PDB file of N, CA and C in Angstrom:
ATOM      1  N   MET A   1       0.891  -1.160  -0.082  1.00  0.00           N
ATOM      2  CA  MET A   1       0.012  -0.054  -0.010  1.00  0.00           C
ATOM      3  C   MET A   1       0.894   1.232  -0.097  1.00  0.00           C
ATOM      4  N   ALA A   2       2.119   1.224   0.732  1.00  0.00           N
ATOM      5  CA  ALA A   2       2.587   2.378   0.942  1.00  0.00           C
ATOM      6  C   ALA A   2       3.492   2.642  -0.536  1.00  0.00           C
ATOM      7  N   SER A   3       3.716   1.545  -1.239  1.00  0.00           N
ATOM      8  CA  SER A   3       4.586   1.631  -2.536  1.00  0.00           C
ATOM      9  C   SER A   3       3.625   2.282  -3.623  1.00  0.00           C
ATOM     10  N   ARG A   4       2.276   2.019  -3.337  1.00  0.00           N
ATOM     11  CA  ARG A   4       1.316   2.537  -4.375  1.00  0.00           C
ATOM     12  C   ARG A   4       1.101   4.085  -4.015  1.00  0.00           C
ATOM     13  N   LYS A   5       1.329   4.414  -2.761  1.00  0.00           N
ATOM     14  CA  LYS A   5       1.069   5.687  -2.674  1.00  0.00           C
ATOM     15  C   LYS A   5       2.351   6.437  -2.921  1.00  0.00           C
ATOM     16  N   LEU A   6       3.392   6.120  -2.840  1.00  0.00           N
ATOM     17  CA  LEU A   6       4.823   6.756  -3.219  1.00  0.00           C
ATOM     18  C   LEU A   6       4.842   6.763  -4.868  1.00  0.00           C
ATOM     19  N   VAL A   7       4.379   5.731  -5.666  1.00  0.00           N
ATOM     20  CA  VAL A   7       4.385   5.780  -7.130  1.00  0.00           C
ATOM     21  C   VAL A   7       3.348   6.829  -7.594  1.00  0.00           C
ATOM     22  N   ARG A   8       2.078   6.837  -6.803  1.00  0.00           N
ATOM     23  CA  ARG A   8       1.222   7.714  -7.320  1.00  0.00           C
ATOM     24  C   ARG A   8       1.616   9.264  -6.736  1.00  0.00           C
ATOM     25  N   GLY A   9       2.337   9.353  -5.982  1.00  0.00           N
ATOM     26  CA  GLY A   9       2.895  10.694  -5.505  1.00  0.00           C
ATOM     27  C   GLY A   9       3.741  11.135  -6.691  1.00  0.00           C
ATOM     28  N   LEU A  10       4.792  10.550  -7.084  1.00  0.00           N
ATOM     29  CA  LEU A  10       5.514  10.737  -8.187  1.00  0.00           C
ATOM     30  C   LEU A  10       4.987  10.857  -9.280  1.00  0.00           C
ATOM     31  N   TRP A  11       4.039  10.161  -9.608  1.00  0.00           N
ATOM     32  CA  TRP A  11       3.494  10.365 -10.892  1.00  0.00           C
ATOM     33  C   TRP A  11       2.604  11.743 -10.928  1.00  0.00           C
ATOM     34  N   ASN A  12       1.958  12.173  -9.805  1.00  0.00           N
ATOM     35  CA  ASN A  12       1.339  13.299 -10.013  1.00  0.00           C
ATOM     36  C   ASN A  12       2.249  14.463  -9.346  1.00  0.00           C
ATOM     37  N   HIS A  13       3.459  14.477  -9.131  1.00  0.00           N
ATOM     38  CA  HIS A  13       4.447  15.471  -8.843  1.00  0.00           C
ATOM     39  C   HIS A  13       4.580  16.479  -9.839  1.00  0.00           C
ATOM     40  N   PRO A  14       4.416  17.763  -9.422  1.00  0.00           N
ATOM     41  CA  PRO A  14       4.669  18.978 -10.465  1.00  0.00           C
ATOM     42  C   PRO A  14       5.752  18.629 -11.610  1.00  0.00           C
ATOM     43  N   ALA A  15       6.865  18.053 -11.083  1.00  0.00           N
ATOM     44  CA  ALA A  15       8.060  17.598 -11.908  1.00  0.00           C
ATOM     45  C   ALA A  15       7.836  16.183 -12.465  1.00  0.00           C
ATOM     46  N   GLY A  16       6.832  15.676 -12.367  1.00  0.00           N
ATOM     47  CA  GLY A  16       6.902  14.140 -12.564  1.00  0.00           C
ATOM     48  C   GLY A  16       6.993  13.760 -14.180  1.00  0.00           C
ATOM     49  N   PRO A  17       6.608  12.581 -14.056  1.00  0.00           N
ATOM     50  CA  PRO A  17       6.602  12.134 -15.809  1.00  0.00           C
ATOM     51  C   PRO A  17       5.510  12.657 -16.681  1.00  0.00           C
ATOM     52  N   LYS A  18       4.656  13.213 -16.240  1.00  0.00           N
ATOM     53  CA  LYS A  18       3.497  13.644 -16.900  1.00  0.00           C
ATOM     54  C   LYS A  18       3.811  15.168 -17.369  1.00  0.00           C
ATOM     55  N   THR A  19       4.946  15.590 -17.218  1.00  0.00           N
ATOM     56  CA  THR A  19       5.274  16.956 -17.480  1.00  0.00           C
ATOM     57  C   THR A  19       6.691  17.131 -18.279  1.00  0.00           C
ATOM     58  N   ILE A  20       7.097  18.357 -18.764  1.00  0.00           N
ATOM     59  CA  ILE A  20       8.206  18.397 -19.625  1.00  0.00           C
ATOM     60  C   ILE A  20       9.333  18.650 -18.489  1.00  0.00           C
ATOM     61  N   HIS A  21       9.053  18.856 -17.300  1.00  0.00           N
ATOM     62  CA  HIS A  21       9.899  19.270 -16.182  1.00  0.00           C
ATOM     63  C   HIS A  21      10.612  17.913 -15.744  1.00  0.00           C
ATOM     64  N   PHE A  22      10.135  16.829 -16.261  1.00  0.00           N
ATOM     65  CA  PHE A  22      10.649  15.494 -16.050  1.00  0.00           C
ATOM     66  C   PHE A  22      11.704  15.078 -17.164  1.00  0.00           C
ATOM     67  N   TRP A  23      11.098  15.226 -18.367  1.00  0.00           N
ATOM     68  CA  TRP A  23      11.298  14.736 -19.614  1.00  0.00           C
ATOM     69  C   TRP A  23      12.847  15.484 -20.222  1.00  0.00           C
ATOM     70  N   ALA A  24      12.795  16.552 -20.126  1.00  0.00           N
ATOM     71  CA  ALA A  24      13.988  17.498 -20.442  1.00  0.00           C
ATOM     72  C   ALA A  24      15.203  17.269 -19.447  1.00  0.00           C
ATOM     73  N   PRO A  25      15.092  17.197 -18.296  1.00  0.00           N
ATOM     74  CA  PRO A  25      16.210  16.718 -17.546  1.00  0.00           C
ATOM     75  C   PRO A  25      16.797  15.319 -17.777  1.00  0.00           C
ATOM     76  N   THR A  26      15.744  14.246 -18.104  1.00  0.00           N
ATOM     77  CA  THR A  26      15.908  12.968 -18.376  1.00  0.00           C
ATOM     78  C   THR A  26      16.836  12.757 -19.789  1.00  0.00           C
ATOM     79  N   PHE A  27      16.556  13.551 -20.428  1.00  0.00           N
ATOM     80  CA  PHE A  27      17.098  13.587 -21.757  1.00  0.00           C
ATOM     81  C   PHE A  27      18.384  14.426 -21.718  1.00  0.00           C
ATOM     82  N   LYS A  28      18.528  15.007 -20.962  1.00  0.00           N
ATOM     83  CA  LYS A  28      19.965  15.981 -20.922  1.00  0.00           C
ATOM     84  C   LYS A  28      20.927  15.505 -20.147  1.00  0.00           C
ATOM     85  N   TRP A  29      20.610  14.150 -19.491  1.00  0.00           N
ATOM     86  CA  TRP A  29      21.434  13.171 -18.929  1.00  0.00           C
ATOM     87  C   TRP A  29      22.540  12.725 -20.099  1.00  0.00           C
ATOM     88  N   ALA A  30      22.267  12.725 -21.367  1.00  0.00           N
ATOM     89  CA  ALA A  30      22.881  12.438 -22.616  1.00  0.00           C
ATOM     90  C   ALA A  30      24.195  12.997 -22.561  1.00  0.00           C
ATOM     91  N   LEU A  31      24.230  14.527 -22.234  1.00  0.00           N
ATOM     92  CA  LEU A  31      25.380  15.206 -22.189  1.00  0.00           C
ATOM     93  C   LEU A  31      26.334  14.882 -21.086  1.00  0.00           C
ATOM     94  N   SER A  32      25.889  14.531 -19.824  1.00  0.00           N
ATOM     95  CA  SER A  32      26.633  13.805 -18.925  1.00  0.00           C
ATOM     96  C   SER A  32      27.502  12.503 -19.316  1.00  0.00           C
ATOM     97  N   ALA A  33      26.674  11.765 -19.904  1.00  0.00           N
ATOM     98  CA  ALA A  33      26.960  10.446 -20.484  1.00  0.00           C
ATOM     99  C   ALA A  33      28.255  10.578 -21.469  1.00  0.00           C
ATOM    100  N   ALA A  34      27.864  11.504 -22.428  1.00  0.00           N
ATOM    101  CA  ALA A  34      28.807  11.719 -23.411  1.00  0.00           C
ATOM    102  C   ALA A  34      30.117  12.196 -22.795  1.00  0.00           C
ATOM    103  N   ASN A  35      30.114  12.987 -21.672  1.00  0.00           N
ATOM    104  CA  ASN A  35      31.327  13.409 -21.128  1.00  0.00           C
ATOM    105  C   ASN A  35      31.903  12.525 -20.730  1.00  0.00           C
ATOM    106  N   ILE A  36      31.268  11.698 -19.936  1.00  0.00           N
ATOM    107  CA  ILE A  36      31.852  10.644 -19.055  1.00  0.00           C
ATOM    108  C   ILE A  36      32.562   9.498 -20.299  1.00  0.00           C
ATOM    109  N   SER A  37      32.073   9.272 -21.373  1.00  0.00           N
ATOM    110  CA  SER A  37      32.448   8.398 -22.338  1.00  0.00           C
ATOM    111  C   SER A  37      33.748   9.020 -22.972  1.00  0.00           C
ATOM    112  N   ASN A  38      33.965  10.280 -22.895  1.00  0.00           N
ATOM    113  CA  ASN A  38      35.189  10.917 -23.353  1.00  0.00           C
ATOM    114  C   ASN A  38      36.296  10.800 -22.342  1.00  0.00           C
ATOM    115  N   PHE A  39      35.986  10.523 -21.242  1.00  0.00           N
ATOM    116  CA  PHE A  39      37.285  10.273 -20.245  1.00  0.00           C
ATOM    117  C   PHE A  39      38.510   9.402 -20.762  1.00  0.00           C
ATOM    118  N   SER A  40      37.987   8.349 -21.605  1.00  0.00           N
ATOM    119  CA  SER A  40      38.877   7.383 -22.272  1.00  0.00           C
ATOM    120  C   SER A  40      39.563   7.955 -23.522  1.00  0.00           C
ATOM    121  N   ASN A  41      39.198   9.163 -24.024  1.00  0.00           N
ATOM    122  CA  ASN A  41      39.804   9.628 -25.224  1.00  0.00           C
ATOM    123  C   ASN A  41      41.206  10.852 -24.714  1.00  0.00           C
ATOM    124  N   PRO A  42      42.198  10.979 -25.629  1.00  0.00           N
ATOM    125  CA  PRO A  42      43.396  11.594 -25.137  1.00  0.00           C
ATOM    126  C   PRO A  42      42.983  12.910 -24.593  1.00  0.00           C
ATOM    127  N   PRO A  43      43.725  13.509 -23.632  1.00  0.00           N
ATOM    128  CA  PRO A  43      43.473  14.800 -23.203  1.00  0.00           C
ATOM    129  C   PRO A  43      43.516  16.134 -24.127  1.00  0.00           C
ATOM    130  N   ASP A  44      44.444  15.745 -25.188  1.00  0.00           N
ATOM    131  CA  ASP A  44      44.615  16.854 -26.138  1.00  0.00           C
ATOM    132  C   ASP A  44      43.441  16.892 -26.838  1.00  0.00           C
ATOM    133  N   THR A  45      42.463  16.143 -26.908  1.00  0.00           N
ATOM    134  CA  THR A  45      41.555  16.367 -27.788  1.00  0.00           C
ATOM    135  C   THR A  45      40.143  17.091 -26.992  1.00  0.00           C
ATOM    136  N   VAL A  46      40.626  17.290 -25.723  1.00  0.00           N
ATOM    137  CA  VAL A  46      39.524  18.266 -24.918  1.00  0.00           C
ATOM    138  C   VAL A  46      39.661  19.599 -25.183  1.00  0.00           C
ATOM    139  N   SER A  47      38.560  20.159 -25.311  1.00  0.00           N
ATOM    140  CA  SER A  47      38.379  21.620 -25.600  1.00  0.00           C
ATOM    141  C   SER A  47      38.212  22.304 -24.391  1.00  0.00           C
ATOM    142  N   TYR A  48      38.999  23.590 -24.154  1.00  0.00           N
ATOM    143  CA  TYR A  48      38.847  24.026 -22.912  1.00  0.00           C
ATOM    144  C   TYR A  48      37.630  24.746 -22.733  1.00  0.00           C
ATOM    145  N   PRO A  49      37.188  25.952 -24.013  1.00  0.00           N
ATOM    146  CA  PRO A  49      35.954  26.392 -24.063  1.00  0.00           C
ATOM    147  C   PRO A  49      34.717  25.654 -23.898  1.00  0.00           C
ATOM    148  N   GLN A  50      34.708  24.245 -24.610  1.00  0.00           N
ATOM    149  CA  GLN A  50      33.548  23.661 -24.446  1.00  0.00           C
ATOM    150  C   GLN A  50      33.318  23.120 -22.847  1.00  0.00           C
ATOM    151  N   GLN A  51      34.344  22.679 -22.296  1.00  0.00           N
ATOM    152  CA  GLN A  51      34.395  22.022 -21.097  1.00  0.00           C
ATOM    153  C   GLN A  51      34.027  23.066 -20.046  1.00  0.00           C
ATOM    154  N   ALA A  52      34.594  24.342 -20.172  1.00  0.00           N
ATOM    155  CA  ALA A  52      34.520  25.651 -19.265  1.00  0.00           C
ATOM    156  C   ALA A  52      32.707  25.796 -19.290  1.00  0.00           C
ATOM    157  N   ALA A  53      32.272  25.701 -20.576  1.00  0.00           N
ATOM    158  CA  ALA A  53      30.653  25.981 -20.622  1.00  0.00           C
ATOM    159  C   ALA A  53      30.225  25.019 -19.751  1.00  0.00           C
ATOM    160  N   PHE A  54      30.325  23.841 -20.080  1.00  0.00           N
ATOM    161  CA  PHE A  54      29.670  22.374 -19.410  1.00  0.00           C
ATOM    162  C   PHE A  54      29.986  22.850 -17.657  1.00  0.00           C
ATOM    163  N   ALA A  55      30.891  23.087 -17.396  1.00  0.00           N
ATOM    164  CA  ALA A  55      31.212  23.338 -15.985  1.00  0.00           C
ATOM    165  C   ALA A  55      30.257  24.526 -15.250  1.00  0.00           C
ATOM    166  N   ILE A  56      30.403  25.590 -15.946  1.00  0.00           N
ATOM    167  CA  ILE A  56      29.823  26.828 -15.520  1.00  0.00           C
ATOM    168  C   ILE A  56      28.289  26.678 -15.683  1.00  0.00           C
ATOM    169  N   ALA A  57      27.822  26.179 -16.829  1.00  0.00           N
ATOM    170  CA  ALA A  57      26.478  26.027 -17.102  1.00  0.00           C
ATOM    171  C   ALA A  57      25.776  24.775 -16.095  1.00  0.00           C
ATOM    172  N   GLY A  58      26.761  23.661 -15.689  1.00  0.00           N
ATOM    173  CA  GLY A  58      26.191  22.793 -14.894  1.00  0.00           C
ATOM    174  C   GLY A  58      26.138  23.347 -13.574  1.00  0.00           C
ATOM    175  N   PHE A  59      27.254  24.060 -13.103  1.00  0.00           N
ATOM    176  CA  PHE A  59      26.709  24.682 -11.626  1.00  0.00           C
ATOM    177  C   PHE A  59      25.837  25.895 -11.422  1.00  0.00           C
ATOM    178  N   ILE A  60      25.559  26.635 -12.352  1.00  0.00           N
ATOM    179  CA  ILE A  60      24.956  27.823 -12.366  1.00  0.00           C
ATOM    180  C   ILE A  60      23.248  27.010 -12.271  1.00  0.00           C
ATOM    181  N   GLY A  61      23.219  26.236 -13.542  1.00  0.00           N
ATOM    182  CA  GLY A  61      22.028  25.477 -13.352  1.00  0.00           C
ATOM    183  C   GLY A  61      21.607  24.813 -12.097  1.00  0.00           C
ATOM    184  N   ALA A  62      22.620  24.194 -11.513  1.00  0.00           N
ATOM    185  CA  ALA A  62      22.399  23.376 -10.217  1.00  0.00           C
ATOM    186  C   ALA A  62      21.985  24.202  -9.124  1.00  0.00           C
ATOM    187  N   ARG A  63      22.632  25.287  -9.032  1.00  0.00           N
ATOM    188  CA  ARG A  63      22.218  26.296  -8.208  1.00  0.00           C
ATOM    189  C   ARG A  63      20.597  26.680  -8.463  1.00  0.00           C
ATOM    190  N   TYR A  64      20.601  27.400  -9.370  1.00  0.00           N
ATOM    191  CA  TYR A  64      18.987  27.407  -9.981  1.00  0.00           C
ATOM    192  C   TYR A  64      17.932  26.547  -9.512  1.00  0.00           C
ATOM    193  N   CYS A  65      18.520  25.222  -9.752  1.00  0.00           N
ATOM    194  CA  CYS A  65      17.443  24.156  -9.399  1.00  0.00           C
ATOM    195  C   CYS A  65      17.057  24.474  -7.983  1.00  0.00           C
ATOM    196  N   THR A  66      17.816  24.801  -7.236  1.00  0.00           N
ATOM    197  CA  THR A  66      17.617  24.920  -5.281  1.00  0.00           C
ATOM    198  C   THR A  66      16.688  26.137  -5.095  1.00  0.00           C
ATOM    199  N   VAL A  67      16.398  26.842  -6.167  1.00  0.00           N
ATOM    200  CA  VAL A  67      15.735  28.098  -5.677  1.00  0.00           C
ATOM    201  C   VAL A  67      14.388  27.954  -6.394  1.00  0.00           C
ATOM    202  N   ILE A  68      13.953  27.149  -7.481  1.00  0.00           N
ATOM    203  CA  ILE A  68      12.671  27.299  -8.113  1.00  0.00           C
ATOM    204  C   ILE A  68      11.730  26.562  -7.297  1.00  0.00           C
ATOM    205  N   THR A  69      10.460  26.720  -7.801  1.00  0.00           N
ATOM    206  CA  THR A  69       9.373  25.728  -7.238  1.00  0.00           C
ATOM    207  C   THR A  69       8.749  25.134  -8.471  1.00  0.00           C
ATOM    208  N   PRO A  70       8.391  23.959  -8.530  1.00  0.00           N
ATOM    209  CA  PRO A  70       8.819  22.930  -7.772  1.00  0.00           C
ATOM    210  C   PRO A  70      10.106  22.432  -7.788  1.00  0.00           C
ATOM    211  N   LYS A  71      10.803  21.997  -6.681  1.00  0.00           N
ATOM    212  CA  LYS A  71      12.024  21.247  -6.785  1.00  0.00           C
ATOM    213  C   LYS A  71      12.316  20.266  -7.699  1.00  0.00           C
ATOM    214  N   ASN A  72      13.107  20.402  -8.733  1.00  0.00           N
ATOM    215  CA  ASN A  72      13.338  19.332  -9.528  1.00  0.00           C
ATOM    216  C   ASN A  72      14.739  18.583  -9.317  1.00  0.00           C
ATOM    217  N   TRP A  73      14.635  17.681  -8.676  1.00  0.00           N
ATOM    218  CA  TRP A  73      16.090  17.119  -8.039  1.00  0.00           C
ATOM    219  C   TRP A  73      16.677  16.144  -9.416  1.00  0.00           C
ATOM    220  N   ASN A  74      15.776  15.902 -10.219  1.00  0.00           N
ATOM    221  CA  ASN A  74      16.473  15.191 -11.497  1.00  0.00           C
ATOM    222  C   ASN A  74      17.073  16.287 -12.203  1.00  0.00           C
ATOM    223  N   LEU A  75      17.056  17.539 -12.414  1.00  0.00           N
ATOM    224  CA  LEU A  75      17.465  18.326 -13.029  1.00  0.00           C
ATOM    225  C   LEU A  75      18.768  18.888 -12.255  1.00  0.00           C
ATOM    226  N   PHE A  76      18.509  19.146 -10.868  1.00  0.00           N
ATOM    227  CA  PHE A  76      19.655  19.596 -10.182  1.00  0.00           C
ATOM    228  C   PHE A  76      20.754  18.505 -10.197  1.00  0.00           C
ATOM    229  N   THR A  77      20.448  17.173 -10.120  1.00  0.00           N
ATOM    230  CA  THR A  77      21.556  16.237 -10.009  1.00  0.00           C
ATOM    231  C   THR A  77      22.246  16.037 -11.678  1.00  0.00           C
ATOM    232  N   ASN A  78      21.328  16.361 -12.595  1.00  0.00           N
ATOM    233  CA  ASN A  78      21.990  16.379 -13.862  1.00  0.00           C
ATOM    234  C   ASN A  78      22.901  17.411 -14.098  1.00  0.00           C
ATOM    235  N   ASN A  79      22.514  18.607 -13.705  1.00  0.00           N
ATOM    236  CA  ASN A  79      23.392  19.738 -13.798  1.00  0.00           C
ATOM    237  C   ASN A  79      24.509  19.794 -12.862  1.00  0.00           C
ATOM    238  N   PHE A  80      24.454  19.274 -11.882  1.00  0.00           N
ATOM    239  CA  PHE A  80      25.666  19.241 -11.065  1.00  0.00           C
ATOM    240  C   PHE A  80      26.550  17.816 -11.465  1.00  0.00           C
ATOM    241  N   ALA A  81      26.255  16.805 -12.056  1.00  0.00           N
ATOM    242  CA  ALA A  81      27.056  15.995 -12.823  1.00  0.00           C
ATOM    243  C   ALA A  81      27.603  16.681 -14.016  1.00  0.00           C
ATOM    244  N   LEU A  82      26.899  17.427 -14.790  1.00  0.00           N
ATOM    245  CA  LEU A  82      27.492  17.960 -15.960  1.00  0.00           C
ATOM    246  C   LEU A  82      28.671  19.026 -15.409  1.00  0.00           C
ATOM    247  N   GLY A  83      28.399  19.567 -14.323  1.00  0.00           N
ATOM    248  CA  GLY A  83      29.482  20.587 -13.857  1.00  0.00           C
ATOM    249  C   GLY A  83      30.719  19.824 -13.559  1.00  0.00           C
ATOM    250  N   CYS A  84      30.677  18.781 -12.451  1.00  0.00           N
ATOM    251  CA  CYS A  84      31.656  17.943 -12.235  1.00  0.00           C
ATOM    252  C   CYS A  84      32.488  17.346 -13.475  1.00  0.00           C
ATOM    253  N   THR A  85      31.633  16.805 -14.356  1.00  0.00           N
ATOM    254  CA  THR A  85      32.468  16.002 -15.509  1.00  0.00           C
ATOM    255  C   THR A  85      33.182  17.038 -16.350  1.00  0.00           C
ATOM    256  N   GLY A  86      32.606  18.393 -16.543  1.00  0.00           N
ATOM    257  CA  GLY A  86      33.490  19.464 -17.039  1.00  0.00           C
ATOM    258  C   GLY A  86      34.407  19.760 -16.302  1.00  0.00           C
ATOM    259  N   VAL A  87      34.462  20.190 -15.021  1.00  0.00           N
ATOM    260  CA  VAL A  87      35.689  20.242 -14.169  1.00  0.00           C
ATOM    261  C   VAL A  87      36.712  19.111 -14.194  1.00  0.00           C
ATOM    262  N   TYR A  88      36.229  17.933 -14.383  1.00  0.00           N
ATOM    263  CA  TYR A  88      37.246  16.705 -14.444  1.00  0.00           C
ATOM    264  C   TYR A  88      37.968  16.762 -15.700  1.00  0.00           C
ATOM    265  N   GLN A  89      37.173  17.125 -16.918  1.00  0.00           N
ATOM    266  CA  GLN A  89      37.955  17.099 -18.227  1.00  0.00           C
ATOM    267  C   GLN A  89      38.800  18.501 -18.152  1.00  0.00           C
ATOM    268  N   LEU A  90      38.556  19.679 -17.735  1.00  0.00           N
ATOM    269  CA  LEU A  90      39.347  20.630 -17.583  1.00  0.00           C
ATOM    270  C   LEU A  90      40.545  20.259 -16.798  1.00  0.00           C
ATOM    271  N   MET A  91      40.636  19.558 -15.649  1.00  0.00           N
ATOM    272  CA  MET A  91      41.774  19.194 -14.887  1.00  0.00           C
ATOM    273  C   MET A  91      42.593  18.318 -15.724  1.00  0.00           C
ATOM    274  N   ARG A  92      41.979  17.371 -16.485  1.00  0.00           N
ATOM    275  CA  ARG A  92      42.561  16.404 -17.260  1.00  0.00           C
ATOM    276  C   ARG A  92      43.595  17.220 -18.382  1.00  0.00           C
ATOM    277  N   LYS A  93      42.925  18.240 -19.163  1.00  0.00           N
ATOM    278  CA  LYS A  93      43.422  19.003 -20.123  1.00  0.00           C
ATOM    279  C   LYS A  93      44.607  19.718 -19.777  1.00  0.00           C
ATOM    280  N   ALA A  94      44.240  20.572 -18.382  1.00  0.00           N
ATOM    281  CA  ALA A  94      45.502  21.351 -17.839  1.00  0.00           C
ATOM    282  C   ALA A  94      46.526  20.222 -17.384  1.00  0.00           C
ATOM    283  N   ASN A  95      46.315  19.503 -16.737  1.00  0.00           N
ATOM    284  CA  ASN A  95      47.317  18.440 -16.413  1.00  0.00           C
ATOM    285  C   ASN A  95      48.327  18.078 -17.598  1.00  0.00           C
ATOM    286  N   HIS A  96      47.599  17.602 -18.410  1.00  0.00           N
ATOM    287  CA  HIS A  96      48.345  17.425 -19.858  1.00  0.00           C
ATOM    288  C   HIS A  96      49.295  18.460 -20.464  1.00  0.00           C
ATOM    289  N   ASP A  97      48.586  19.674 -20.745  1.00  0.00           N
ATOM    290  CA  ASP A  97      49.148  20.742 -21.324  1.00  0.00           C
ATOM    291  C   ASP A  97      50.315  21.362 -20.309  1.00  0.00           C
ATOM    292  N   TYR A  98      50.201  21.391 -19.170  1.00  0.00           N
ATOM    293  CA  TYR A  98      50.936  21.986 -18.203  1.00  0.00           C
ATOM    294  C   TYR A  98      51.849  21.221 -17.288  1.00  0.00           C
ATOM    295  N   ILE A  99      51.604  20.197 -17.040  1.00  0.00           N
ATOM    296  CA  ILE A  99      52.660  19.111 -16.276  1.00  0.00           C
ATOM    297  C   ILE A  99      53.223  18.304 -17.026  1.00  0.00           C
ATOM    298  N   VAL A 100      52.530  17.351 -17.865  1.00  0.00           N
ATOM    299  CA  VAL A 100      52.981  16.203 -18.616  1.00  0.00           C
ATOM    300  C   VAL A 100      53.904  16.749 -19.783  1.00  0.00           C
ATOM    301  N   GLN A 101      53.615  17.536 -20.444  1.00  0.00           N
ATOM    302  CA  GLN A 101      54.253  18.141 -21.686  1.00  0.00           C
ATOM    303  C   GLN A 101      55.518  18.926 -20.991  1.00  0.00           C
ATOM    304  N   LYS A 102      55.722  19.358 -19.967  1.00  0.00           N
ATOM    305  CA  LYS A 102      56.869  20.058 -19.676  1.00  0.00           C
ATOM    306  C   LYS A 102      57.948  18.942 -19.086  1.00  0.00           C
ATOM    307  N   GLU A 103      57.211  17.659 -18.990  1.00  0.00           N
ATOM    308  CA  GLU A 103      58.316  16.722 -18.329  1.00  0.00           C
ATOM    309  C   GLU A 103      58.936  16.024 -19.773  1.00  0.00           C
TER     310      GLU A 103
END
């Protein structure tokens, strides 16, 4: 009975699967997934402007998700993951450009 109530609550939530507020962030996960799949690529192929845009947009978007109503935790985690993967890619590129190549 409790699980039925939980499912009904999720289904009828203002950011639930019946709204665009659910589906847009769900499909936006493809950006984070693509960035994660690029972790195995050589660091010299990473773009500073692209990854900086991912990081900045991700963290700004995550902050925005904490102040909107209704709270959209799917979008928050998505943006936070995008920001984190962008920062990781920037660190890989900077490490390659400024530390590894000097050796």
